[in-house]
């Protein structure tokens, strides 16, 4: 049984995703991280994992259709490459800011203290679970419409540079003289469980760009993107 406070919270969330309230229990399930029930020793407590599995499939078919219509001249390889970007945890985390999903997730206190609401993996799983819940409650057409609305107004070509910045930079440098860019950690700040990394990318011992991130990988991608802008490959 959901509390009055939780029902009010879900009411606010429905406005964010532009759907009517029809099944609070299922939507609550979609917004519940496993740590929430585990911490409370709730046996058979439902969390977002099953709905995430369903939502992932609905997301992929919808994005496939979206790209198929958007790029009529692209081949299968090109479409697959773009889709892998648009359904990635990193991109879903980016899209999640449109609906402020983090504040609506039920999460254990320990997970919350470790920065759970800011973890890409948790947010991405919740995004997929919500899609699964919309599919179950309202049907495929509503889920498809919701997904299309999430992706509209997104500059896909620009996001591809963001997503594949390391790969694009490597292709560029190898075309020059076969040398590879080198990534170096310049600084680490913050506590052990909540570090921020500053990474520089160097080519022929010249620093082309720097990036910040909560992981080294994220910082490297940001550094590579900065390098692409420095080289006038991507728009700055």
C-alpha atoms as a PDB file:
ATOM      1  CA  UNK A   1       0.000   0.000   0.000  1.00  0.00           C
ATOM      2  CA  UNK A   2       1.478   3.302  -1.085  1.00  0.00           C
ATOM      3  CA  UNK A   3       1.535   6.222   1.314  1.00  0.00           C
ATOM      4  CA  UNK A   4      -0.333   9.432   0.599  1.00  0.00           C
ATOM      5  CA  UNK A   5       3.021  11.218   0.275  1.00  0.00           C
ATOM      6  CA  UNK A   6       4.239   8.702  -2.315  1.00  0.00           C
ATOM      7  CA  UNK A   7       1.017   9.004  -4.303  1.00  0.00           C
ATOM      8  CA  UNK A   8       1.443  12.759  -4.357  1.00  0.00           C
ATOM      9  CA  UNK A   9       5.014  12.327  -5.529  1.00  0.00           C
ATOM     10  CA  UNK A  10       3.876  10.012  -8.324  1.00  0.00           C
ATOM     11  CA  UNK A  11       1.197  12.523  -9.298  1.00  0.00           C
ATOM     12  CA  UNK A  12       3.971  15.055  -9.835  1.00  0.00           C
ATOM     13  CA  UNK A  13       5.940  12.514 -11.868  1.00  0.00           C
ATOM     14  CA  UNK A  14       2.984  11.776 -14.153  1.00  0.00           C
ATOM     15  CA  UNK A  15       2.965  15.447 -15.108  1.00  0.00           C
ATOM     16  CA  UNK A  16       6.656  15.229 -15.978  1.00  0.00           C
ATOM     17  CA  UNK A  17       6.114  12.294 -18.339  1.00  0.00           C
ATOM     18  CA  UNK A  18       2.759  13.566 -19.619  1.00  0.00           C
ATOM     19  CA  UNK A  19       0.588  10.561 -18.768  1.00  0.00           C
ATOM     20  CA  UNK A  20      -2.492  10.090 -16.586  1.00  0.00           C
ATOM     21  CA  UNK A  21      -2.439   8.157 -13.339  1.00  0.00           C
ATOM     22  CA  UNK A  22      -3.764   4.620 -13.890  1.00  0.00           C
ATOM     23  CA  UNK A  23      -1.521   2.222 -11.948  1.00  0.00           C
ATOM     24  CA  UNK A  24       0.450   3.815  -9.121  1.00  0.00           C
ATOM     25  CA  UNK A  25       1.776   0.468  -7.879  1.00  0.00           C
ATOM     26  CA  UNK A  26       3.421  -0.432 -11.187  1.00  0.00           C
ATOM     27  CA  UNK A  27       4.889   3.030 -11.674  1.00  0.00           C
ATOM     28  CA  UNK A  28       6.214   2.917  -8.116  1.00  0.00           C
ATOM     29  CA  UNK A  29       7.823  -0.434  -8.941  1.00  0.00           C
ATOM     30  CA  UNK A  30       9.504   1.155 -11.966  1.00  0.00           C
ATOM     31  CA  UNK A  31      10.960   3.815  -9.681  1.00  0.00           C
ATOM     32  CA  UNK A  32      12.239   1.489  -6.953  1.00  0.00           C
ATOM     33  CA  UNK A  33      15.914   0.504  -6.759  1.00  0.00           C
ATOM     34  CA  UNK A  34      16.647  -2.986  -5.320  1.00  0.00           C
ATOM     35  CA  UNK A  35      18.484  -1.425  -2.366  1.00  0.00           C
ATOM     36  CA  UNK A  36      15.240   0.124  -1.107  1.00  0.00           C
ATOM     37  CA  UNK A  37      13.550  -3.202  -0.350  1.00  0.00           C
ATOM     38  CA  UNK A  38      16.762  -4.932   0.661  1.00  0.00           C
ATOM     39  CA  UNK A  39      17.508  -2.342   3.312  1.00  0.00           C
ATOM     40  CA  UNK A  40      14.031  -2.774   4.770  1.00  0.00           C
ATOM     41  CA  UNK A  41      14.162  -6.582   4.644  1.00  0.00           C
ATOM     42  CA  UNK A  42      10.996  -6.602   2.544  1.00  0.00           C
ATOM     43  CA  UNK A  43      10.578 -10.130   1.211  1.00  0.00           C
ATOM     44  CA  UNK A  44       9.332 -10.397  -2.366  1.00  0.00           C
ATOM     45  CA  UNK A  45       9.481  -6.606  -2.619  1.00  0.00           C
ATOM     46  CA  UNK A  46       9.206  -5.421  -6.210  1.00  0.00           C
ATOM     47  CA  UNK A  47      11.841  -3.252  -7.856  1.00  0.00           C
ATOM     48  CA  UNK A  48      12.580  -1.949 -11.329  1.00  0.00           C
ATOM     49  CA  UNK A  49      14.623  -4.876 -12.699  1.00  0.00           C
ATOM     50  CA  UNK A  50      11.838  -6.766 -14.527  1.00  0.00           C
ATOM     51  CA  UNK A  51      10.332  -3.604 -15.974  1.00  0.00           C
ATOM     52  CA  UNK A  52      13.812  -2.481 -17.018  1.00  0.00           C
ATOM     53  CA  UNK A  53      14.148  -5.686 -19.063  1.00  0.00           C
ATOM     54  CA  UNK A  54      10.845  -4.940 -20.805  1.00  0.00           C
ATOM     55  CA  UNK A  55      11.538  -1.246 -21.273  1.00  0.00           C
ATOM     56  CA  UNK A  56      14.921  -1.917 -22.857  1.00  0.00           C
ATOM     57  CA  UNK A  57      13.227  -3.863 -25.675  1.00  0.00           C
ATOM     58  CA  UNK A  58      10.547  -1.210 -26.208  1.00  0.00           C
ATOM     59  CA  UNK A  59      13.208   1.496 -26.248  1.00  0.00           C
ATOM     60  CA  UNK A  60      15.371  -0.264 -28.821  1.00  0.00           C
ATOM     61  CA  UNK A  61      12.553  -0.964 -31.282  1.00  0.00           C
ATOM     62  CA  UNK A  62      11.224   2.593 -30.940  1.00  0.00           C
ATOM     63  CA  UNK A  63      14.633   4.208 -31.429  1.00  0.00           C
ATOM     64  CA  UNK A  64      15.268   1.879 -34.373  1.00  0.00           C
ATOM     65  CA  UNK A  65      12.073   3.109 -36.032  1.00  0.00           C
ATOM     66  CA  UNK A  66      12.911   6.716 -35.189  1.00  0.00           C
ATOM     67  CA  UNK A  67      16.335   6.472 -36.849  1.00  0.00           C
ATOM     68  CA  UNK A  68      15.058   4.415 -39.788  1.00  0.00           C
ATOM     69  CA  UNK A  69      12.687   7.251 -40.699  1.00  0.00           C
ATOM     70  CA  UNK A  70      15.068  10.078 -39.800  1.00  0.00           C
ATOM     71  CA  UNK A  71      17.976   8.788 -41.939  1.00  0.00           C
ATOM     72  CA  UNK A  72      16.515   7.114 -45.068  1.00  0.00           C
ATOM     73  CA  UNK A  73      19.919   6.885 -46.800  1.00  0.00           C
ATOM     74  CA  UNK A  74      21.903   5.375 -43.889  1.00  0.00           C
ATOM     75  CA  UNK A  75      22.900   1.727 -43.997  1.00  0.00           C
ATOM     76  CA  UNK A  76      22.470  -0.824 -41.208  1.00  0.00           C
ATOM     77  CA  UNK A  77      25.948  -0.219 -39.806  1.00  0.00           C
ATOM     78  CA  UNK A  78      25.468   3.537 -39.577  1.00  0.00           C
ATOM     79  CA  UNK A  79      22.042   3.185 -37.952  1.00  0.00           C
ATOM     80  CA  UNK A  80      23.344   0.632 -35.440  1.00  0.00           C
ATOM     81  CA  UNK A  81      26.193   2.919 -34.444  1.00  0.00           C
ATOM     82  CA  UNK A  82      23.838   5.827 -33.769  1.00  0.00           C
ATOM     83  CA  UNK A  83      21.369   3.607 -31.917  1.00  0.00           C
ATOM     84  CA  UNK A  84      24.093   2.285 -29.611  1.00  0.00           C
ATOM     85  CA  UNK A  85      24.736   5.886 -28.605  1.00  0.00           C
ATOM     86  CA  UNK A  86      21.088   6.832 -28.089  1.00  0.00           C
ATOM     87  CA  UNK A  87      20.208   3.827 -25.901  1.00  0.00           C
ATOM     88  CA  UNK A  88      23.421   3.874 -23.838  1.00  0.00           C
ATOM     89  CA  UNK A  89      23.376   4.485 -20.081  1.00  0.00           C
ATOM     90  CA  UNK A  90      25.263   7.717 -20.654  1.00  0.00           C
ATOM     91  CA  UNK A  91      22.643   9.054 -23.055  1.00  0.00           C
ATOM     92  CA  UNK A  92      19.692   7.907 -20.964  1.00  0.00           C
ATOM     93  CA  UNK A  93      21.273   9.707 -18.022  1.00  0.00           C
ATOM     94  CA  UNK A  94      21.445  12.833 -20.185  1.00  0.00           C
ATOM     95  CA  UNK A  95      17.778  12.457 -21.185  1.00  0.00           C
ATOM     96  CA  UNK A  96      16.720  11.841 -17.587  1.00  0.00           C
ATOM     97  CA  UNK A  97      17.301  15.489 -16.786  1.00  0.00           C
ATOM     98  CA  UNK A  98      14.264  16.331 -18.912  1.00  0.00           C
ATOM     99  CA  UNK A  99      11.992  14.646 -16.372  1.00  0.00           C
ATOM    100  CA  UNK A 100      14.081  14.965 -13.180  1.00  0.00           C
ATOM    101  CA  UNK A 101      13.651  11.249 -12.585  1.00  0.00           C
ATOM    102  CA  UNK A 102      16.356  11.020  -9.904  1.00  0.00           C
ATOM    103  CA  UNK A 103      14.235  12.733  -7.262  1.00  0.00           C
ATOM    104  CA  UNK A 104      11.406  10.202  -7.689  1.00  0.00           C
ATOM    105  CA  UNK A 105      13.425   7.005  -7.227  1.00  0.00           C
ATOM    106  CA  UNK A 106      12.994   4.938  -4.058  1.00  0.00           C
ATOM    107  CA  UNK A 107      16.531   4.128  -2.988  1.00  0.00           C
ATOM    108  CA  UNK A 108      18.236   2.708   0.105  1.00  0.00           C
ATOM    109  CA  UNK A 109      19.893   5.135   2.501  1.00  0.00           C
ATOM    110  CA  UNK A 110      23.328   3.556   2.079  1.00  0.00           C
ATOM    111  CA  UNK A 111      23.063   3.701  -1.713  1.00  0.00           C
ATOM    112  CA  UNK A 112      21.908   7.281  -1.479  1.00  0.00           C
ATOM    113  CA  UNK A 113      24.878   8.252   0.687  1.00  0.00           C
ATOM    114  CA  UNK A 114      27.218   6.732  -1.881  1.00  0.00           C
ATOM    115  CA  UNK A 115      25.774   9.015  -4.575  1.00  0.00           C
ATOM    116  CA  UNK A 116      23.247   6.547  -6.010  1.00  0.00           C
ATOM    117  CA  UNK A 117      20.928   9.204  -7.375  1.00  0.00           C
ATOM    118  CA  UNK A 118      23.740  10.498  -9.575  1.00  0.00           C
ATOM    119  CA  UNK A 119      24.891   7.102 -10.897  1.00  0.00           C
ATOM    120  CA  UNK A 120      24.362   6.676 -14.615  1.00  0.00           C
ATOM    121  CA  UNK A 121      23.583   2.958 -14.274  1.00  0.00           C
ATOM    122  CA  UNK A 122      20.810   3.502 -11.708  1.00  0.00           C
ATOM    123  CA  UNK A 123      19.227   6.396 -13.564  1.00  0.00           C
ATOM    124  CA  UNK A 124      19.390   4.548 -16.908  1.00  0.00           C
ATOM    125  CA  UNK A 125      17.746   1.451 -15.394  1.00  0.00           C
ATOM    126  CA  UNK A 126      14.956   3.598 -13.965  1.00  0.00           C
ATOM    127  CA  UNK A 127      14.447   5.305 -17.327  1.00  0.00           C
ATOM    128  CA  UNK A 128      14.054   1.930 -19.043  1.00  0.00           C
ATOM    129  CA  UNK A 129      11.779   0.655 -16.264  1.00  0.00           C
ATOM    130  CA  UNK A 130       9.476   3.660 -16.635  1.00  0.00           C
ATOM    131  CA  UNK A 131       9.261   2.941 -20.357  1.00  0.00           C
ATOM    132  CA  UNK A 132       8.368  -0.645 -19.474  1.00  0.00           C
ATOM    133  CA  UNK A 133       5.674   0.567 -17.077  1.00  0.00           C
ATOM    134  CA  UNK A 134       4.213   2.949 -19.669  1.00  0.00           C
ATOM    135  CA  UNK A 135       4.113   0.063 -22.151  1.00  0.00           C
ATOM    136  CA  UNK A 136       2.360  -2.214 -19.641  1.00  0.00           C
ATOM    137  CA  UNK A 137      -0.143   0.399 -18.464  1.00  0.00           C
ATOM    138  CA  UNK A 138      -0.900   2.376 -21.614  1.00  0.00           C
ATOM    139  CA  UNK A 139       0.283   0.182 -24.517  1.00  0.00           C
ATOM    140  CA  UNK A 140       2.971   0.381 -27.170  1.00  0.00           C
ATOM    141  CA  UNK A 141       1.726   3.492 -28.970  1.00  0.00           C
ATOM    142  CA  UNK A 142       1.863   5.579 -25.808  1.00  0.00           C
ATOM    143  CA  UNK A 143       5.329   4.227 -24.938  1.00  0.00           C
ATOM    144  CA  UNK A 144       6.507   4.940 -28.482  1.00  0.00           C
ATOM    145  CA  UNK A 145       5.148   8.496 -28.347  1.00  0.00           C
ATOM    146  CA  UNK A 146       6.807   9.061 -24.979  1.00  0.00           C
ATOM    147  CA  UNK A 147      10.165   7.859 -26.345  1.00  0.00           C
ATOM    148  CA  UNK A 148       9.892  10.005 -29.470  1.00  0.00           C
ATOM    149  CA  UNK A 149       9.154  13.028 -27.275  1.00  0.00           C
ATOM    150  CA  UNK A 150      12.265  12.288 -25.188  1.00  0.00           C
ATOM    151  CA  UNK A 151      14.473  12.330 -28.273  1.00  0.00           C
ATOM    152  CA  UNK A 152      12.923  15.223 -30.146  1.00  0.00           C
ATOM    153  CA  UNK A 153      14.963  18.417 -30.345  1.00  0.00           C
ATOM    154  CA  UNK A 154      18.163  16.422 -29.757  1.00  0.00           C
ATOM    155  CA  UNK A 155      21.057  17.268 -32.080  1.00  0.00           C
ATOM    156  CA  UNK A 156      21.985  13.669 -32.875  1.00  0.00           C
ATOM    157  CA  UNK A 157      25.092  14.470 -34.905  1.00  0.00           C
ATOM    158  CA  UNK A 158      26.454  16.605 -32.064  1.00  0.00           C
ATOM    159  CA  UNK A 159      25.665  13.882 -29.542  1.00  0.00           C
ATOM    160  CA  UNK A 160      27.494  11.349 -31.689  1.00  0.00           C
ATOM    161  CA  UNK A 161      30.619  13.462 -31.339  1.00  0.00           C
ATOM    162  CA  UNK A 162      30.074  13.492 -27.572  1.00  0.00           C
ATOM    163  CA  UNK A 163      29.512   9.739 -27.413  1.00  0.00           C
ATOM    164  CA  UNK A 164      32.254   8.641 -29.815  1.00  0.00           C
ATOM    165  CA  UNK A 165      34.780  11.407 -29.171  1.00  0.00           C
ATOM    166  CA  UNK A 166      37.632   9.021 -28.239  1.00  0.00           C
ATOM    167  CA  UNK A 167      37.066   6.835 -31.288  1.00  0.00           C
ATOM    168  CA  UNK A 168      36.824   9.826 -33.643  1.00  0.00           C
ATOM    169  CA  UNK A 169      39.988  11.395 -32.208  1.00  0.00           C
ATOM    170  CA  UNK A 170      41.874   8.113 -32.562  1.00  0.00           C
ATOM    171  CA  UNK A 171      40.780   7.753 -36.194  1.00  0.00           C
ATOM    172  CA  UNK A 172      42.002  11.276 -36.868  1.00  0.00           C
ATOM    173  CA  UNK A 173      45.421  10.831 -35.250  1.00  0.00           C
ATOM    174  CA  UNK A 174      46.019   7.473 -36.915  1.00  0.00           C
ATOM    175  CA  UNK A 175      45.241   9.041 -40.268  1.00  0.00           C
ATOM    176  CA  UNK A 176      47.962  11.609 -39.585  1.00  0.00           C
ATOM    177  CA  UNK A 177      50.925   9.445 -38.642  1.00  0.00           C
ATOM    178  CA  UNK A 178      49.562   6.270 -36.982  1.00  0.00           C
ATOM    179  CA  UNK A 179      50.284   7.654 -33.482  1.00  0.00           C
ATOM    180  CA  UNK A 180      47.635   7.319 -30.781  1.00  0.00           C
ATOM    181  CA  UNK A 181      46.433  10.036 -28.417  1.00  0.00           C
ATOM    182  CA  UNK A 182      47.570   9.637 -24.812  1.00  0.00           C
ATOM    183  CA  UNK A 183      45.326  10.283 -21.816  1.00  0.00           C
ATOM    184  CA  UNK A 184      46.839  11.412 -18.521  1.00  0.00           C
ATOM    185  CA  UNK A 185      45.135  12.024 -15.185  1.00  0.00           C
ATOM    186  CA  UNK A 186      46.064  15.574 -14.230  1.00  0.00           C
ATOM    187  CA  UNK A 187      44.189  15.859 -10.958  1.00  0.00           C
ATOM    188  CA  UNK A 188      41.890  13.942  -8.611  1.00  0.00           C
ATOM    189  CA  UNK A 189      39.615  15.771  -6.175  1.00  0.00           C
ATOM    190  CA  UNK A 190      36.951  14.724  -3.691  1.00  0.00           C
ATOM    191  CA  UNK A 191      36.531  11.826  -1.299  1.00  0.00           C
ATOM    192  CA  UNK A 192      37.249   8.227  -2.294  1.00  0.00           C
ATOM    193  CA  UNK A 193      33.579   7.407  -2.971  1.00  0.00           C
ATOM    194  CA  UNK A 194      32.898  10.660  -4.816  1.00  0.00           C
ATOM    195  CA  UNK A 195      35.986  11.598  -6.814  1.00  0.00           C
ATOM    196  CA  UNK A 196      36.219  13.955  -9.755  1.00  0.00           C
ATOM    197  CA  UNK A 197      38.962  13.348 -12.303  1.00  0.00           C
ATOM    198  CA  UNK A 198      40.641  15.886 -14.542  1.00  0.00           C
ATOM    199  CA  UNK A 199      42.196  14.224 -17.588  1.00  0.00           C
ATOM    200  CA  UNK A 200      44.302  15.705 -20.345  1.00  0.00           C
ATOM    201  CA  UNK A 201      44.662  14.235 -23.825  1.00  0.00           C
ATOM    202  CA  UNK A 202      48.052  14.611 -25.518  1.00  0.00           C
ATOM    203  CA  UNK A 203      49.155  14.053 -29.083  1.00  0.00           C
ATOM    204  CA  UNK A 204      52.835  14.221 -29.961  1.00  0.00           C
ATOM    205  CA  UNK A 205      53.368  15.548 -26.407  1.00  0.00           C
ATOM    206  CA  UNK A 206      51.042  18.472 -27.045  1.00  0.00           C
ATOM    207  CA  UNK A 207      47.962  18.829 -24.868  1.00  0.00           C
ATOM    208  CA  UNK A 208      44.888  19.129 -27.074  1.00  0.00           C
ATOM    209  CA  UNK A 209      42.196  19.253 -24.410  1.00  0.00           C
ATOM    210  CA  UNK A 210      41.118  18.505 -20.859  1.00  0.00           C
ATOM    211  CA  UNK A 211      37.985  16.991 -19.387  1.00  0.00           C
ATOM    212  CA  UNK A 212      36.304  16.476 -16.032  1.00  0.00           C
ATOM    213  CA  UNK A 213      34.282  13.459 -14.945  1.00  0.00           C
ATOM    214  CA  UNK A 214      33.192  11.293 -12.041  1.00  0.00           C
ATOM    215  CA  UNK A 215      35.095   8.425 -13.687  1.00  0.00           C
ATOM    216  CA  UNK A 216      38.338   8.401 -15.663  1.00  0.00           C
ATOM    217  CA  UNK A 217      36.452   7.138 -18.706  1.00  0.00           C
ATOM    218  CA  UNK A 218      33.986  10.012 -18.571  1.00  0.00           C
ATOM    219  CA  UNK A 219      36.797  12.540 -18.161  1.00  0.00           C
ATOM    220  CA  UNK A 220      38.673  11.004 -21.109  1.00  0.00           C
ATOM    221  CA  UNK A 221      35.610  11.370 -23.325  1.00  0.00           C
ATOM    222  CA  UNK A 222      35.273  15.012 -22.329  1.00  0.00           C
ATOM    223  CA  UNK A 223      38.964  15.590 -23.012  1.00  0.00           C
ATOM    224  CA  UNK A 224      38.681  13.942 -26.418  1.00  0.00           C
ATOM    225  CA  UNK A 225      35.695  16.120 -27.292  1.00  0.00           C
ATOM    226  CA  UNK A 226      37.661  19.216 -26.266  1.00  0.00           C
ATOM    227  CA  UNK A 227      40.480  18.021 -28.539  1.00  0.00           C
ATOM    228  CA  UNK A 228      38.079  17.570 -31.473  1.00  0.00           C
ATOM    229  CA  UNK A 229      36.891  21.148 -30.974  1.00  0.00           C
ATOM    230  CA  UNK A 230      40.500  22.348 -30.765  1.00  0.00           C
ATOM    231  CA  UNK A 231      41.208  20.590 -34.070  1.00  0.00           C
ATOM    232  CA  UNK A 232      38.012  22.073 -35.609  1.00  0.00           C
ATOM    233  CA  UNK A 233      36.633  18.567 -36.200  1.00  0.00           C
ATOM    234  CA  UNK A 234      33.655  19.152 -33.916  1.00  0.00           C
ATOM    235  CA  UNK A 235      31.906  22.486 -33.463  1.00  0.00           C
ATOM    236  CA  UNK A 236      32.998  24.402 -30.387  1.00  0.00           C
END
